[in-house]
């Protein structure tokens, strides 16, 4: 079980880094007025990365900090969607 939890922790950290990279690209696309790529990054973060991160956290066992992290990512996405007028 120790190997599995270690792999899950490593995967979770990797997803956090990947999500932050996409948020940086999203900010850059919004500044450059590239709505097409900005929408792509929003979908990638929302539909793929955050959901997968949430599933990995559930496998490891959720904590209040993890729930807050997921909520923070979703709130940031809502803010970017609002800036682009998506929702």
C-alpha atoms as a PDB file:
ATOM      1  CA  UNK A   1       0.000   0.000   0.000  1.00  0.00           C
ATOM      2  CA  UNK A   2       2.934   2.320   0.626  1.00  0.00           C
ATOM      3  CA  UNK A   3       4.082   2.175  -2.986  1.00  0.00           C
ATOM      4  CA  UNK A   4       0.603   2.955  -4.230  1.00  0.00           C
ATOM      5  CA  UNK A   5       0.175   5.959  -1.952  1.00  0.00           C
ATOM      6  CA  UNK A   6       3.617   7.258  -2.911  1.00  0.00           C
ATOM      7  CA  UNK A   7       2.744   6.972  -6.618  1.00  0.00           C
ATOM      8  CA  UNK A   8      -0.570   8.710  -5.998  1.00  0.00           C
ATOM      9  CA  UNK A   9       1.142  11.567  -4.151  1.00  0.00           C
ATOM     10  CA  UNK A  10       3.629  11.954  -7.003  1.00  0.00           C
ATOM     11  CA  UNK A  11       0.791  11.959  -9.535  1.00  0.00           C
ATOM     12  CA  UNK A  12      -1.131  14.554  -7.534  1.00  0.00           C
ATOM     13  CA  UNK A  13       1.904  16.839  -7.413  1.00  0.00           C
ATOM     14  CA  UNK A  14       2.422  16.371 -11.135  1.00  0.00           C
ATOM     15  CA  UNK A  15      -1.187  17.326 -11.873  1.00  0.00           C
ATOM     16  CA  UNK A  16      -0.880  20.421  -9.692  1.00  0.00           C
ATOM     17  CA  UNK A  17       2.143  21.545 -11.719  1.00  0.00           C
ATOM     18  CA  UNK A  18       0.358  20.800 -14.989  1.00  0.00           C
ATOM     19  CA  UNK A  19      -2.730  22.752 -13.922  1.00  0.00           C
ATOM     20  CA  UNK A  20      -0.595  25.754 -12.976  1.00  0.00           C
ATOM     21  CA  UNK A  21       1.118  25.620 -16.380  1.00  0.00           C
ATOM     22  CA  UNK A  22      -2.265  25.699 -18.103  1.00  0.00           C
ATOM     23  CA  UNK A  23      -3.400  28.619 -15.931  1.00  0.00           C
ATOM     24  CA  UNK A  24      -0.266  30.537 -16.977  1.00  0.00           C
ATOM     25  CA  UNK A  25      -0.980  29.784 -20.642  1.00  0.00           C
ATOM     26  CA  UNK A  26      -4.591  30.815 -20.117  1.00  0.00           C
ATOM     27  CA  UNK A  27      -3.559  34.161 -18.627  1.00  0.00           C
ATOM     28  CA  UNK A  28      -1.181  34.714 -21.533  1.00  0.00           C
ATOM     29  CA  UNK A  29      -3.885  33.901 -24.084  1.00  0.00           C
ATOM     30  CA  UNK A  30      -6.322  36.294 -22.439  1.00  0.00           C
ATOM     31  CA  UNK A  31      -3.727  39.075 -22.456  1.00  0.00           C
ATOM     32  CA  UNK A  32      -3.036  38.412 -26.142  1.00  0.00           C
ATOM     33  CA  UNK A  33      -6.793  38.329 -26.908  1.00  0.00           C
ATOM     34  CA  UNK A  34      -6.574  34.769 -28.266  1.00  0.00           C
ATOM     35  CA  UNK A  35     -10.021  33.535 -27.246  1.00  0.00           C
ATOM     36  CA  UNK A  36      -9.747  30.251 -29.139  1.00  0.00           C
ATOM     37  CA  UNK A  37      -6.685  29.037 -27.231  1.00  0.00           C
ATOM     38  CA  UNK A  38      -8.016  30.455 -23.978  1.00  0.00           C
ATOM     39  CA  UNK A  39     -11.173  28.385 -24.356  1.00  0.00           C
ATOM     40  CA  UNK A  40      -9.052  25.316 -25.100  1.00  0.00           C
ATOM     41  CA  UNK A  41      -7.061  25.783 -21.883  1.00  0.00           C
ATOM     42  CA  UNK A  42     -10.250  26.277 -19.868  1.00  0.00           C
ATOM     43  CA  UNK A  43     -11.690  23.036 -21.213  1.00  0.00           C
ATOM     44  CA  UNK A  44      -8.426  21.176 -20.669  1.00  0.00           C
ATOM     45  CA  UNK A  45      -8.193  22.323 -17.062  1.00  0.00           C
ATOM     46  CA  UNK A  46     -11.864  21.799 -16.288  1.00  0.00           C
ATOM     47  CA  UNK A  47     -12.678  18.573 -18.109  1.00  0.00           C
ATOM     48  CA  UNK A  48      -9.408  16.717 -17.838  1.00  0.00           C
ATOM     49  CA  UNK A  49      -6.918  17.889 -15.262  1.00  0.00           C
ATOM     50  CA  UNK A  50      -9.102  18.972 -12.322  1.00  0.00           C
ATOM     51  CA  UNK A  51     -11.365  15.928 -12.581  1.00  0.00           C
ATOM     52  CA  UNK A  52      -8.405  13.553 -12.728  1.00  0.00           C
ATOM     53  CA  UNK A  53      -6.734  15.323  -9.816  1.00  0.00           C
ATOM     54  CA  UNK A  54      -9.943  15.069  -7.816  1.00  0.00           C
ATOM     55  CA  UNK A  55     -10.182  11.327  -8.522  1.00  0.00           C
ATOM     56  CA  UNK A  56      -6.579  10.725  -7.466  1.00  0.00           C
ATOM     57  CA  UNK A  57      -7.137  12.681  -4.249  1.00  0.00           C
ATOM     58  CA  UNK A  58     -10.221  10.573  -3.500  1.00  0.00           C
ATOM     59  CA  UNK A  59      -8.181   7.389  -3.940  1.00  0.00           C
ATOM     60  CA  UNK A  60      -5.602   8.651  -1.491  1.00  0.00           C
ATOM     61  CA  UNK A  61      -8.167   9.979   0.979  1.00  0.00           C
ATOM     62  CA  UNK A  62      -9.504  13.514   0.957  1.00  0.00           C
ATOM     63  CA  UNK A  63      -8.481  16.135   3.434  1.00  0.00           C
ATOM     64  CA  UNK A  64      -9.879  19.613   4.003  1.00  0.00           C
ATOM     65  CA  UNK A  65      -6.787  21.078   2.321  1.00  0.00           C
ATOM     66  CA  UNK A  66      -7.359  18.973  -0.802  1.00  0.00           C
ATOM     67  CA  UNK A  67     -11.007  20.006  -1.033  1.00  0.00           C
ATOM     68  CA  UNK A  68      -9.979  23.634  -0.683  1.00  0.00           C
ATOM     69  CA  UNK A  69      -7.393  23.205  -3.464  1.00  0.00           C
ATOM     70  CA  UNK A  70      -9.974  21.777  -5.885  1.00  0.00           C
ATOM     71  CA  UNK A  71     -12.426  24.534  -4.954  1.00  0.00           C
ATOM     72  CA  UNK A  72      -9.708  27.139  -5.540  1.00  0.00           C
ATOM     73  CA  UNK A  73      -9.005  25.773  -9.030  1.00  0.00           C
ATOM     74  CA  UNK A  74     -12.708  25.800  -9.890  1.00  0.00           C
ATOM     75  CA  UNK A  75     -13.129  29.372  -8.611  1.00  0.00           C
ATOM     76  CA  UNK A  76     -10.166  30.505 -10.704  1.00  0.00           C
ATOM     77  CA  UNK A  77     -11.733  28.844 -13.745  1.00  0.00           C
ATOM     78  CA  UNK A  78     -15.044  30.597 -13.090  1.00  0.00           C
ATOM     79  CA  UNK A  79     -13.230  33.922 -12.971  1.00  0.00           C
ATOM     80  CA  UNK A  80     -11.525  33.278 -16.307  1.00  0.00           C
ATOM     81  CA  UNK A  81     -14.786  32.127 -17.839  1.00  0.00           C
ATOM     82  CA  UNK A  82     -16.406  35.333 -16.643  1.00  0.00           C
ATOM     83  CA  UNK A  83     -13.611  37.380 -18.238  1.00  0.00           C
ATOM     84  CA  UNK A  84     -14.198  35.607 -21.531  1.00  0.00           C
ATOM     85  CA  UNK A  85     -17.972  35.767 -21.231  1.00  0.00           C
ATOM     86  CA  UNK A  86     -18.372  31.998 -21.463  1.00  0.00           C
ATOM     87  CA  UNK A  87     -20.942  31.413 -18.724  1.00  0.00           C
END
